[in-house]
Every structure is written in C-alpha cells, then in structure tokens.
Amino acid sequence: RSHFGSRQWDVSCPVLPPQPVMAALKRMITGIPGHFQPGTFGYSLAFGAVAGTVLGGVEYGTRHLSVMLWDTEREKLQSRLRYLEKQVVFNKEQEAEGKAHYLSQNGYG
C-alpha cells in the first residue's frame, strides 16, 4: 500500500481506479435513468431530438417523391437545350452557306 496525504490508495491493481472514484461512477450511472423520466429535461431533450429526426426524414421523403413524380423542370430544361443546340447548328450552316455564296460571288471560288 502507498500513502498519499491522509488517504490510503490500493496500488495492487493499477488498471482499476480507486474505490471512491468507482463509487462515484456507480452513483452517476445508476442516476442516469432518473434523468429520462417523463417531465424531466433529459426526457424532453431526447424526445425533441427523436421527433426532429423523424419529421426531418418524413420531409426529406416527401420532397424526394414530389420531385421524382411531379417535377417537370428537368424535362423543360433539356428540351430548351436541345432546341438551342439545333439553333446553333442551323446558324453555323447558314453562316457557312453565306460565306460560300460570298466567295463564289466575289470570284474566290
């Protein structure tokens, strides 16, 4: 045994904490369920966290379904992009045709 101040500490097992610490830990652990009884702050906090998680999941699911089933914005944008690409191709063809016509009219061809 070793003496530290006025207390005696058991140094036979260096892995376990001393008895007063173990007793305090045991009191804390056995007191935890009392903090989660209905009407306590811990219960309200846990209930709010679980309810928020569930409601967030429901909201995420409904938004996902709504976008998946009823959102047509993506199709509109794709249609507009296809139309724009067709316009670009048509304008390039017109430009090439105009240059060819200009060159043939001015004696370059």
PDB file of N, CA and C in Angstrom:
ATOM      1  N   ARG A   1       0.819  -1.190   0.000  1.00  0.00           N
ATOM      2  CA  ARG A   1       0.000   0.000   0.000  1.00  0.00           C
ATOM      3  C   ARG A   1       0.864   1.255   0.000  1.00  0.00           C
ATOM      4  N   SER A   2       0.286   2.306  -0.578  1.00  0.00           N
ATOM      5  CA  SER A   2       1.026   3.556  -0.653  1.00  0.00           C
ATOM      6  C   SER A   2       0.227   4.627   0.075  1.00  0.00           C
ATOM      7  N   HIS A   3       0.898   5.542   0.695  1.00  0.00           N
ATOM      8  CA  HIS A   3       0.230   6.631   1.395  1.00  0.00           C
ATOM      9  C   HIS A   3       0.365   7.897   0.571  1.00  0.00           C
ATOM     10  N   PHE A   4      -0.775   8.605   0.366  1.00  0.00           N
ATOM     11  CA  PHE A   4      -0.759   9.871  -0.361  1.00  0.00           C
ATOM     12  C   PHE A   4      -1.553  10.856   0.476  1.00  0.00           C
ATOM     13  N   GLY A   5      -0.874  11.732   1.172  1.00  0.00           N
ATOM     14  CA  GLY A   5      -1.552  12.650   2.078  1.00  0.00           C
ATOM     15  C   GLY A   5      -2.133  11.867   3.237  1.00  0.00           C
ATOM     16  N   SER A   6      -3.406  12.071   3.506  1.00  0.00           N
ATOM     17  CA  SER A   6      -4.044  11.365   4.611  1.00  0.00           C
ATOM     18  C   SER A   6      -4.826  10.151   4.126  1.00  0.00           C
ATOM     19  N   ARG A   7      -4.846   9.902   2.817  1.00  0.00           N
ATOM     20  CA  ARG A   7      -5.597   8.766   2.286  1.00  0.00           C
ATOM     21  C   ARG A   7      -4.673   7.615   1.939  1.00  0.00           C
ATOM     22  N   GLN A   8      -5.238   6.439   1.990  1.00  0.00           N
ATOM     23  CA  GLN A   8      -4.505   5.263   1.553  1.00  0.00           C
ATOM     24  C   GLN A   8      -5.084   4.818   0.209  1.00  0.00           C
ATOM     25  N   TRP A   9      -4.210   4.510  -0.737  1.00  0.00           N
ATOM     26  CA  TRP A   9      -4.644   4.048  -2.057  1.00  0.00           C
ATOM     27  C   TRP A   9      -4.146   2.634  -2.254  1.00  0.00           C
ATOM     28  N   ASP A  10      -4.986   1.814  -2.837  1.00  0.00           N
ATOM     29  CA  ASP A  10      -4.604   0.438  -3.113  1.00  0.00           C
ATOM     30  C   ASP A  10      -3.907   0.427  -4.468  1.00  0.00           C
ATOM     31  N   VAL A  11      -2.636   0.103  -4.489  1.00  0.00           N
ATOM     32  CA  VAL A  11      -1.879   0.088  -5.739  1.00  0.00           C
ATOM     33  C   VAL A  11      -1.650  -1.326  -6.235  1.00  0.00           C
ATOM     34  N   SER A  12      -2.434  -2.280  -5.727  1.00  0.00           N
ATOM     35  CA  SER A  12      -2.232  -3.659  -6.145  1.00  0.00           C
ATOM     36  C   SER A  12      -2.710  -3.872  -7.583  1.00  0.00           C
ATOM     37  N   CYS A  13      -3.719  -3.146  -8.038  1.00  0.00           N
ATOM     38  CA  CYS A  13      -4.216  -3.281  -9.409  1.00  0.00           C
ATOM     39  C   CYS A  13      -4.202  -1.896 -10.053  1.00  0.00           C
ATOM     40  N   PRO A  14      -3.202  -1.587 -10.873  1.00  0.00           N
ATOM     41  CA  PRO A  14      -3.074  -0.245 -11.417  1.00  0.00           C
ATOM     42  C   PRO A  14      -4.110   0.091 -12.486  1.00  0.00           C
ATOM     43  N   VAL A  15      -4.885  -0.903 -12.994  1.00  0.00           N
ATOM     44  CA  VAL A  15      -5.830  -0.650 -14.069  1.00  0.00           C
ATOM     45  C   VAL A  15      -7.125  -0.046 -13.542  1.00  0.00           C
ATOM     46  N   LEU A  16      -7.600  -0.514 -12.403  1.00  0.00           N
ATOM     47  CA  LEU A  16      -8.860  -0.029 -11.858  1.00  0.00           C
ATOM     48  C   LEU A  16      -8.654   1.258 -11.077  1.00  0.00           C
ATOM     49  N   PRO A  17      -9.606   2.202 -11.176  1.00  0.00           N
ATOM     50  CA  PRO A  17      -9.494   3.417 -10.371  1.00  0.00           C
ATOM     51  C   PRO A  17      -9.769   3.107  -8.895  1.00  0.00           C
ATOM     52  N   PRO A  18      -9.414   4.001  -8.002  1.00  0.00           N
ATOM     53  CA  PRO A  18      -9.627   3.766  -6.576  1.00  0.00           C
ATOM     54  C   PRO A  18     -11.109   3.660  -6.225  1.00  0.00           C
ATOM     55  N   GLN A  19     -11.408   3.106  -5.051  1.00  0.00           N
ATOM     56  CA  GLN A  19     -12.775   2.856  -4.611  1.00  0.00           C
ATOM     57  C   GLN A  19     -13.652   4.110  -4.603  1.00  0.00           C
ATOM     58  N   PRO A  20     -13.212   5.262  -4.109  1.00  0.00           N
ATOM     59  CA  PRO A  20     -14.093   6.435  -4.116  1.00  0.00           C
ATOM     60  C   PRO A  20     -14.519   6.833  -5.534  1.00  0.00           C
ATOM     61  N   VAL A  21     -13.618   6.687  -6.491  1.00  0.00           N
ATOM     62  CA  VAL A  21     -13.951   7.020  -7.879  1.00  0.00           C
ATOM     63  C   VAL A  21     -14.960   6.014  -8.417  1.00  0.00           C
ATOM     64  N   MET A  22     -14.756   4.758  -8.114  1.00  0.00           N
ATOM     65  CA  MET A  22     -15.691   3.712  -8.570  1.00  0.00           C
ATOM     66  C   MET A  22     -17.077   3.948  -7.980  1.00  0.00           C
ATOM     67  N   ALA A  23     -17.139   4.330  -6.722  1.00  0.00           N
ATOM     68  CA  ALA A  23     -18.430   4.585  -6.081  1.00  0.00           C
ATOM     69  C   ALA A  23     -19.124   5.781  -6.725  1.00  0.00           C
ATOM     70  N   ALA A  24     -18.369   6.811  -7.031  1.00  0.00           N
ATOM     71  CA  ALA A  24     -18.951   7.989  -7.681  1.00  0.00           C
ATOM     72  C   ALA A  24     -19.460   7.645  -9.072  1.00  0.00           C
ATOM     73  N   LEU A  25     -18.691   6.851  -9.820  1.00  0.00           N
ATOM     74  CA  LEU A  25     -19.130   6.421 -11.155  1.00  0.00           C
ATOM     75  C   LEU A  25     -20.395   5.591 -11.068  1.00  0.00           C
ATOM     76  N   LYS A  26     -20.457   4.709 -10.094  1.00  0.00           N
ATOM     77  CA  LYS A  26     -21.627   3.851  -9.927  1.00  0.00           C
ATOM     78  C   LYS A  26     -22.859   4.695  -9.608  1.00  0.00           C
ATOM     79  N   ARG A  27     -22.703   5.727  -8.752  1.00  0.00           N
ATOM     80  CA  ARG A  27     -23.834   6.607  -8.426  1.00  0.00           C
ATOM     81  C   ARG A  27     -24.290   7.375  -9.668  1.00  0.00           C
ATOM     82  N   MET A  28     -23.322   7.847 -10.472  1.00  0.00           N
ATOM     83  CA  MET A  28     -23.686   8.590 -11.683  1.00  0.00           C
ATOM     84  C   MET A  28     -24.437   7.685 -12.664  1.00  0.00           C
ATOM     85  N   ILE A  29     -23.937   6.474 -12.850  1.00  0.00           N
ATOM     86  CA  ILE A  29     -24.554   5.560 -13.816  1.00  0.00           C
ATOM     87  C   ILE A  29     -25.942   5.147 -13.361  1.00  0.00           C
ATOM     88  N   THR A  30     -26.111   4.862 -12.081  1.00  0.00           N
ATOM     89  CA  THR A  30     -27.433   4.459 -11.603  1.00  0.00           C
ATOM     90  C   THR A  30     -28.399   5.637 -11.586  1.00  0.00           C
ATOM     91  N   GLY A  31     -27.917   6.872 -11.601  1.00  0.00           N
ATOM     92  CA  GLY A  31     -28.793   8.038 -11.614  1.00  0.00           C
ATOM     93  C   GLY A  31     -29.238   8.456 -13.000  1.00  0.00           C
ATOM     94  N   ILE A  32     -28.618   7.926 -14.045  1.00  0.00           N
ATOM     95  CA  ILE A  32     -28.944   8.325 -15.420  1.00  0.00           C
ATOM     96  C   ILE A  32     -30.395   8.018 -15.781  1.00  0.00           C
ATOM     97  N   PRO A  33     -30.939   6.838 -15.504  1.00  0.00           N
ATOM     98  CA  PRO A  33     -32.333   6.594 -15.899  1.00  0.00           C
ATOM     99  C   PRO A  33     -33.319   7.576 -15.278  1.00  0.00           C
ATOM    100  N   GLY A  34     -33.021   8.105 -14.095  1.00  0.00           N
ATOM    101  CA  GLY A  34     -33.907   9.077 -13.465  1.00  0.00           C
ATOM    102  C   GLY A  34     -33.995  10.381 -14.239  1.00  0.00           C
ATOM    103  N   HIS A  35     -32.982  10.688 -15.041  1.00  0.00           N
ATOM    104  CA  HIS A  35     -32.995  11.916 -15.837  1.00  0.00           C
ATOM    105  C   HIS A  35     -33.811  11.778 -17.119  1.00  0.00           C
ATOM    106  N   PHE A  36     -34.253  10.578 -17.411  1.00  0.00           N
ATOM    107  CA  PHE A  36     -35.021  10.354 -18.635  1.00  0.00           C
ATOM    108  C   PHE A  36     -36.444   9.900 -18.337  1.00  0.00           C
ATOM    109  N   GLN A  37     -36.958  10.264 -17.190  1.00  0.00           N
ATOM    110  CA  GLN A  37     -38.361  10.017 -16.858  1.00  0.00           C
ATOM    111  C   GLN A  37     -39.199  11.110 -17.503  1.00  0.00           C
ATOM    112  N   PRO A  38     -40.460  10.818 -17.879  1.00  0.00           N
ATOM    113  CA  PRO A  38     -41.308  11.866 -18.458  1.00  0.00           C
ATOM    114  C   PRO A  38     -41.390  13.081 -17.545  1.00  0.00           C
ATOM    115  N   GLY A  39     -41.270  14.254 -18.136  1.00  0.00           N
ATOM    116  CA  GLY A  39     -41.350  15.504 -17.402  1.00  0.00           C
ATOM    117  C   GLY A  39     -40.001  16.084 -17.025  1.00  0.00           C
ATOM    118  N   THR A  40     -38.909  15.363 -17.302  1.00  0.00           N
ATOM    119  CA  THR A  40     -37.582  15.888 -16.978  1.00  0.00           C
ATOM    120  C   THR A  40     -36.965  16.512 -18.223  1.00  0.00           C
ATOM    121  N   PHE A  41     -35.933  17.304 -18.002  1.00  0.00           N
ATOM    122  CA  PHE A  41     -35.258  17.980 -19.114  1.00  0.00           C
ATOM    123  C   PHE A  41     -34.636  16.975 -20.082  1.00  0.00           C
ATOM    124  N   GLY A  42     -33.993  15.952 -19.548  1.00  0.00           N
ATOM    125  CA  GLY A  42     -33.363  14.949 -20.420  1.00  0.00           C
ATOM    126  C   GLY A  42     -34.377  14.235 -21.292  1.00  0.00           C
ATOM    127  N   TYR A  43     -35.538  13.921 -20.732  1.00  0.00           N
ATOM    128  CA  TYR A  43     -36.596  13.261 -21.498  1.00  0.00           C
ATOM    129  C   TYR A  43     -37.083  14.179 -22.617  1.00  0.00           C
ATOM    130  N   SER A  44     -37.306  15.446 -22.272  1.00  0.00           N
ATOM    131  CA  SER A  44     -37.781  16.398 -23.281  1.00  0.00           C
ATOM    132  C   SER A  44     -36.747  16.578 -24.390  1.00  0.00           C
ATOM    133  N   LEU A  45     -35.484  16.639 -24.012  1.00  0.00           N
ATOM    134  CA  LEU A  45     -34.416  16.808 -24.990  1.00  0.00           C
ATOM    135  C   LEU A  45     -34.344  15.599 -25.927  1.00  0.00           C
ATOM    136  N   ALA A  46     -34.386  14.401 -25.356  1.00  0.00           N
ATOM    137  CA  ALA A  46     -34.333  13.185 -26.178  1.00  0.00           C
ATOM    138  C   ALA A  46     -35.573  13.080 -27.060  1.00  0.00           C
ATOM    139  N   PHE A  47     -36.734  13.394 -26.503  1.00  0.00           N
ATOM    140  CA  PHE A  47     -37.973  13.328 -27.273  1.00  0.00           C
ATOM    141  C   PHE A  47     -37.924  14.301 -28.448  1.00  0.00           C
ATOM    142  N   GLY A  48     -37.437  15.517 -28.197  1.00  0.00           N
ATOM    143  CA  GLY A  48     -37.329  16.504 -29.262  1.00  0.00           C
ATOM    144  C   GLY A  48     -36.351  16.081 -30.347  1.00  0.00           C
ATOM    145  N   ALA A  49     -35.242  15.472 -29.937  1.00  0.00           N
ATOM    146  CA  ALA A  49     -34.249  15.018 -30.925  1.00  0.00           C
ATOM    147  C   ALA A  49     -34.826  13.916 -31.805  1.00  0.00           C
ATOM    148  N   VAL A  50     -35.504  12.972 -31.182  1.00  0.00           N
ATOM    149  CA  VAL A  50     -36.094  11.871 -31.962  1.00  0.00           C
ATOM    150  C   VAL A  50     -37.207  12.396 -32.856  1.00  0.00           C
ATOM    151  N   ALA A  51     -38.073  13.252 -32.316  1.00  0.00           N
ATOM    152  CA  ALA A  51     -39.170  13.797 -33.119  1.00  0.00           C
ATOM    153  C   ALA A  51     -38.631  14.625 -34.287  1.00  0.00           C
ATOM    154  N   GLY A  52     -37.581  15.417 -34.050  1.00  0.00           N
ATOM    155  CA  GLY A  52     -36.989  16.205 -35.128  1.00  0.00           C
ATOM    156  C   GLY A  52     -36.385  15.335 -36.213  1.00  0.00           C
ATOM    157  N   THR A  53     -35.735  14.255 -35.803  1.00  0.00           N
ATOM    158  CA  THR A  53     -35.148  13.340 -36.780  1.00  0.00           C
ATOM    159  C   THR A  53     -36.232  12.675 -37.619  1.00  0.00           C
ATOM    160  N   VAL A  54     -37.304  12.238 -36.965  1.00  0.00           N
ATOM    161  CA  VAL A  54     -38.398  11.578 -37.694  1.00  0.00           C
ATOM    162  C   VAL A  54     -39.067  12.571 -38.645  1.00  0.00           C
ATOM    163  N   LEU A  55     -39.377  13.768 -38.161  1.00  0.00           N
ATOM    164  CA  LEU A  55     -40.021  14.755 -39.032  1.00  0.00           C
ATOM    165  C   LEU A  55     -39.112  15.182 -40.182  1.00  0.00           C
ATOM    166  N   GLY A  56     -37.818  15.304 -39.920  1.00  0.00           N
ATOM    167  CA  GLY A  56     -36.880  15.622 -40.994  1.00  0.00           C
ATOM    168  C   GLY A  56     -36.849  14.534 -42.053  1.00  0.00           C
ATOM    169  N   GLY A  57     -36.880  13.291 -41.614  1.00  0.00           N
ATOM    170  CA  GLY A  57     -36.907  12.176 -42.565  1.00  0.00           C
ATOM    171  C   GLY A  57     -38.174  12.163 -43.392  1.00  0.00           C
ATOM    172  N   VAL A  58     -39.307  12.441 -42.745  1.00  0.00           N
ATOM    173  CA  VAL A  58     -40.585  12.487 -43.471  1.00  0.00           C
ATOM    174  C   VAL A  58     -40.561  13.616 -44.494  1.00  0.00           C
ATOM    175  N   GLU A  59     -40.063  14.778 -44.095  1.00  0.00           N
ATOM    176  CA  GLU A  59     -39.984  15.900 -45.030  1.00  0.00           C
ATOM    177  C   GLU A  59     -39.071  15.576 -46.208  1.00  0.00           C
ATOM    178  N   TYR A  60     -37.917  14.962 -45.913  1.00  0.00           N
ATOM    179  CA  TYR A  60     -36.995  14.591 -46.991  1.00  0.00           C
ATOM    180  C   TYR A  60     -37.673  13.613 -47.949  1.00  0.00           C
ATOM    181  N   GLY A  61     -38.363  12.632 -47.401  1.00  0.00           N
ATOM    182  CA  GLY A  61     -39.039  11.634 -48.238  1.00  0.00           C
ATOM    183  C   GLY A  61     -40.120  12.244 -49.109  1.00  0.00           C
ATOM    184  N   THR A  62     -40.932  13.137 -48.536  1.00  0.00           N
ATOM    185  CA  THR A  62     -41.994  13.750 -49.342  1.00  0.00           C
ATOM    186  C   THR A  62     -41.422  14.659 -50.417  1.00  0.00           C
ATOM    187  N   ARG A  63     -40.364  15.392 -50.108  1.00  0.00           N
ATOM    188  CA  ARG A  63     -39.746  16.237 -51.142  1.00  0.00           C
ATOM    189  C   ARG A  63     -39.161  15.381 -52.267  1.00  0.00           C
ATOM    190  N   HIS A  64     -38.527  14.277 -51.889  1.00  0.00           N
ATOM    191  CA  HIS A  64     -37.947  13.389 -52.897  1.00  0.00           C
ATOM    192  C   HIS A  64     -39.044  12.836 -53.806  1.00  0.00           C
ATOM    193  N   LEU A  65     -40.146  12.382 -53.206  1.00  0.00           N
ATOM    194  CA  LEU A  65     -41.246  11.849 -54.012  1.00  0.00           C
ATOM    195  C   LEU A  65     -41.853  12.929 -54.901  1.00  0.00           C
ATOM    196  N   SER A  66     -42.011  14.122 -54.355  1.00  0.00           N
ATOM    197  CA  SER A  66     -42.604  15.193 -55.144  1.00  0.00           C
ATOM    198  C   SER A  66     -41.732  15.541 -56.339  1.00  0.00           C
ATOM    199  N   VAL A  67     -40.421  15.605 -56.136  1.00  0.00           N
ATOM    200  CA  VAL A  67     -39.511  15.898 -57.249  1.00  0.00           C
ATOM    201  C   VAL A  67     -39.517  14.744 -58.243  1.00  0.00           C
ATOM    202  N   MET A  68     -39.519  13.531 -57.727  1.00  0.00           N
ATOM    203  CA  MET A  68     -39.444  12.362 -58.599  1.00  0.00           C
ATOM    204  C   MET A  68     -40.718  12.208 -59.437  1.00  0.00           C
ATOM    205  N   LEU A  69     -41.878  12.503 -58.848  1.00  0.00           N
ATOM    206  CA  LEU A  69     -43.128  12.233 -59.547  1.00  0.00           C
ATOM    207  C   LEU A  69     -43.694  13.424 -60.305  1.00  0.00           C
ATOM    208  N   TRP A  70     -43.548  14.643 -59.770  1.00  0.00           N
ATOM    209  CA  TRP A  70     -44.271  15.761 -60.350  1.00  0.00           C
ATOM    210  C   TRP A  70     -43.402  16.897 -60.859  1.00  0.00           C
ATOM    211  N   ASP A  71     -42.114  16.840 -60.722  1.00  0.00           N
ATOM    212  CA  ASP A  71     -41.271  17.943 -61.171  1.00  0.00           C
ATOM    213  C   ASP A  71     -40.930  17.760 -62.643  1.00  0.00           C
ATOM    214  N   THR A  72     -41.327  18.721 -63.454  1.00  0.00           N
ATOM    215  CA  THR A  72     -41.060  18.631 -64.893  1.00  0.00           C
ATOM    216  C   THR A  72     -40.021  19.660 -65.326  1.00  0.00           C
ATOM    217  N   GLU A  73     -39.414  20.327 -64.381  1.00  0.00           N
ATOM    218  CA  GLU A  73     -38.437  21.371 -64.710  1.00  0.00           C
ATOM    219  C   GLU A  73     -37.253  20.797 -65.485  1.00  0.00           C
ATOM    220  N   ARG A  74     -36.806  19.609 -65.100  1.00  0.00           N
ATOM    221  CA  ARG A  74     -35.655  19.000 -65.771  1.00  0.00           C
ATOM    222  C   ARG A  74     -35.970  18.738 -67.249  1.00  0.00           C
ATOM    223  N   GLU A  75     -37.154  18.205 -67.512  1.00  0.00           N
ATOM    224  CA  GLU A  75     -37.528  17.936 -68.900  1.00  0.00           C
ATOM    225  C   GLU A  75     -37.627  19.233 -69.699  1.00  0.00           C
ATOM    226  N   LYS A  76     -38.156  20.288 -69.068  1.00  0.00           N
ATOM    227  CA  LYS A  76     -38.232  21.585 -69.754  1.00  0.00           C
ATOM    228  C   LYS A  76     -36.842  22.084 -70.129  1.00  0.00           C
ATOM    229  N   LEU A  77     -35.916  21.999 -69.187  1.00  0.00           N
ATOM    230  CA  LEU A  77     -34.558  22.477 -69.458  1.00  0.00           C
ATOM    231  C   LEU A  77     -33.889  21.657 -70.555  1.00  0.00           C
ATOM    232  N   GLN A  78     -34.086  20.342 -70.531  1.00  0.00           N
ATOM    233  CA  GLN A  78     -33.482  19.504 -71.570  1.00  0.00           C
ATOM    234  C   GLN A  78     -34.058  19.844 -72.937  1.00  0.00           C
ATOM    235  N   SER A  79     -35.364  20.089 -73.002  1.00  0.00           N
ATOM    236  CA  SER A  79     -35.984  20.449 -74.269  1.00  0.00           C
ATOM    237  C   SER A  79     -35.428  21.774 -74.788  1.00  0.00           C
ATOM    238  N   ARG A  80     -35.270  22.736 -73.877  1.00  0.00           N
ATOM    239  CA  ARG A  80     -34.719  24.024 -74.282  1.00  0.00           C
ATOM    240  C   ARG A  80     -33.277  23.898 -74.759  1.00  0.00           C
ATOM    241  N   LEU A  81     -32.503  23.050 -74.095  1.00  0.00           N
ATOM    242  CA  LEU A  81     -31.112  22.842 -74.528  1.00  0.00           C
ATOM    243  C   LEU A  81     -31.060  22.198 -75.912  1.00  0.00           C
ATOM    244  N   ARG A  82     -31.933  21.210 -76.149  1.00  0.00           N
ATOM    245  CA  ARG A  82     -31.962  20.586 -77.483  1.00  0.00           C
ATOM    246  C   ARG A  82     -32.323  21.615 -78.553  1.00  0.00           C
ATOM    247  N   TYR A  83     -33.310  22.453 -78.250  1.00  0.00           N
ATOM    248  CA  TYR A  83     -33.717  23.484 -79.207  1.00  0.00           C
ATOM    249  C   TYR A  83     -32.572  24.456 -79.463  1.00  0.00           C
ATOM    250  N   LEU A  84     -31.867  24.849 -78.400  1.00  0.00           N
ATOM    251  CA  LEU A  84     -30.726  25.761 -78.552  1.00  0.00           C
ATOM    252  C   LEU A  84     -29.635  25.121 -79.410  1.00  0.00           C
ATOM    253  N   GLU A  85     -29.363  23.830 -79.179  1.00  0.00           N
ATOM    254  CA  GLU A  85     -28.346  23.147 -79.996  1.00  0.00           C
ATOM    255  C   GLU A  85     -28.751  23.120 -81.463  1.00  0.00           C
ATOM    256  N   LYS A  86     -30.032  22.880 -81.729  1.00  0.00           N
ATOM    257  CA  LYS A  86     -30.497  22.882 -83.122  1.00  0.00           C
ATOM    258  C   LYS A  86     -30.344  24.269 -83.737  1.00  0.00           C
ATOM    259  N   GLN A  87     -30.624  25.310 -82.961  1.00  0.00           N
ATOM    260  CA  GLN A  87     -30.458  26.673 -83.465  1.00  0.00           C
ATOM    261  C   GLN A  87     -28.995  26.966 -83.780  1.00  0.00           C
ATOM    262  N   VAL A  88     -28.108  26.512 -82.906  1.00  0.00           N
ATOM    263  CA  VAL A  88     -26.675  26.749 -83.118  1.00  0.00           C
ATOM    264  C   VAL A  88     -26.222  26.046 -84.393  1.00  0.00           C
ATOM    265  N   VAL A  89     -26.630  24.804 -84.574  1.00  0.00           N
ATOM    266  CA  VAL A  89     -26.248  24.065 -85.784  1.00  0.00           C
ATOM    267  C   VAL A  89     -26.807  24.756 -87.020  1.00  0.00           C
ATOM    268  N   PHE A  90     -28.075  25.163 -86.960  1.00  0.00           N
ATOM    269  CA  PHE A  90     -28.684  25.846 -88.112  1.00  0.00           C
ATOM    270  C   PHE A  90     -27.939  27.138 -88.434  1.00  0.00           C
ATOM    271  N   ASN A  91     -27.610  27.925 -87.400  1.00  0.00           N
ATOM    272  CA  ASN A  91     -26.899  29.188 -87.642  1.00  0.00           C
ATOM    273  C   ASN A  91     -25.515  28.952 -88.228  1.00  0.00           C
ATOM    274  N   LYS A  92     -24.813  27.911 -87.764  1.00  0.00           N
ATOM    275  CA  LYS A  92     -23.496  27.609 -88.343  1.00  0.00           C
ATOM    276  C   LYS A  92     -23.614  27.206 -89.807  1.00  0.00           C
ATOM    277  N   GLU A  93     -24.654  26.431 -90.103  1.00  0.00           N
ATOM    278  CA  GLU A  93     -24.865  26.038 -91.509  1.00  0.00           C
ATOM    279  C   GLU A  93     -25.178  27.273 -92.362  1.00  0.00           C
ATOM    280  N   GLN A  94     -26.001  28.174 -91.829  1.00  0.00           N
ATOM    281  CA  GLN A  94     -26.328  29.400 -92.566  1.00  0.00           C
ATOM    282  C   GLN A  94     -25.090  30.257 -92.789  1.00  0.00           C
ATOM    283  N   GLU A  95     -24.257  30.331 -91.749  1.00  0.00           N
ATOM    284  CA  GLU A  95     -23.032  31.120 -91.855  1.00  0.00           C
ATOM    285  C   GLU A  95     -22.086  30.518 -92.902  1.00  0.00           C
ATOM    286  N   ALA A  96     -21.935  29.205 -92.868  1.00  0.00           N
ATOM    287  CA  ALA A  96     -21.066  28.547 -93.852  1.00  0.00           C
ATOM    288  C   ALA A  96     -21.612  28.729 -95.264  1.00  0.00           C
ATOM    289  N   GLU A  97     -22.916  28.621 -95.391  1.00  0.00           N
ATOM    290  CA  GLU A  97     -23.535  28.803 -96.716  1.00  0.00           C
ATOM    291  C   GLU A  97     -23.374  30.241 -97.207  1.00  0.00           C
ATOM    292  N   GLY A  98     -23.505  31.188 -96.279  1.00  0.00           N
ATOM    293  CA  GLY A  98     -23.328  32.598 -96.652  1.00  0.00           C
ATOM    294  C   GLY A  98     -21.900  32.885 -97.074  1.00  0.00           C
ATOM    295  N   LYS A  99     -20.913  32.315 -96.349  1.00  0.00           N
ATOM    296  CA  LYS A  99     -19.514  32.521 -96.738  1.00  0.00           C
ATOM    297  C   LYS A  99     -19.235  31.910 -98.101  1.00  0.00           C
ATOM    298  N   ALA A 100     -19.777  30.722 -98.333  1.00  0.00           N
ATOM    299  CA  ALA A 100     -19.560  30.074 -99.636  1.00  0.00           C
ATOM    300  C   ALA A 100     -20.185  30.917-100.755  1.00  0.00           C
ATOM    301  N   HIS A 101     -21.369  31.425-100.514  1.00  0.00           N
ATOM    302  CA  HIS A 101     -22.039  32.261-101.516  1.00  0.00           C
ATOM    303  C   HIS A 101     -21.228  33.539-101.752  1.00  0.00           C
ATOM    304  N   TYR A 102     -20.711  34.165-100.682  1.00  0.00           N
ATOM    305  CA  TYR A 102     -19.911  35.380-100.807  1.00  0.00           C
ATOM    306  C   TYR A 102     -18.653  35.110-101.617  1.00  0.00           C
ATOM    307  N   LEU A 103     -17.988  33.992-101.298  1.00  0.00           N
ATOM    308  CA  LEU A 103     -16.744  33.681-102.006  1.00  0.00           C
ATOM    309  C   LEU A 103     -17.018  33.394-103.478  1.00  0.00           C
ATOM    310  N   SER A 104     -18.120  32.714-103.786  1.00  0.00           N
ATOM    311  CA  SER A 104     -18.400  32.401-105.196  1.00  0.00           C
ATOM    312  C   SER A 104     -18.812  33.670-105.957  1.00  0.00           C
ATOM    313  N   GLN A 105     -19.474  34.608-105.305  1.00  0.00           N
ATOM    314  CA  GLN A 105     -19.922  35.860-105.953  1.00  0.00           C
ATOM    315  C   GLN A 105     -18.743  36.804-106.214  1.00  0.00           C
ATOM    316  N   ASN A 106     -17.727  36.769-105.339  1.00  0.00           N
ATOM    317  CA  ASN A 106     -16.634  37.704-105.480  1.00  0.00           C
ATOM    318  C   ASN A 106     -15.409  37.098-106.193  1.00  0.00           C
ATOM    319  N   GLY A 107     -15.613  35.988-106.853  1.00  0.00           N
ATOM    320  CA  GLY A 107     -14.577  35.405-107.663  1.00  0.00           C
ATOM    321  C   GLY A 107     -13.494  34.636-106.928  1.00  0.00           C
ATOM    322  N   TYR A 108     -13.782  34.191-105.711  1.00  0.00           N
ATOM    323  CA  TYR A 108     -12.785  33.415-104.983  1.00  0.00           C
ATOM    324  C   TYR A 108     -12.961  31.924-105.198  1.00  0.00           C
ATOM    325  N   GLY A 109     -14.014  31.500-105.808  1.00  0.00           N
ATOM    326  CA  GLY A 109     -14.277  30.073-105.885  1.00  0.00           C
ATOM    327  C   GLY A 109     -14.406  29.524-107.206  1.00  0.00           C
TER     328      GLY A 109
END
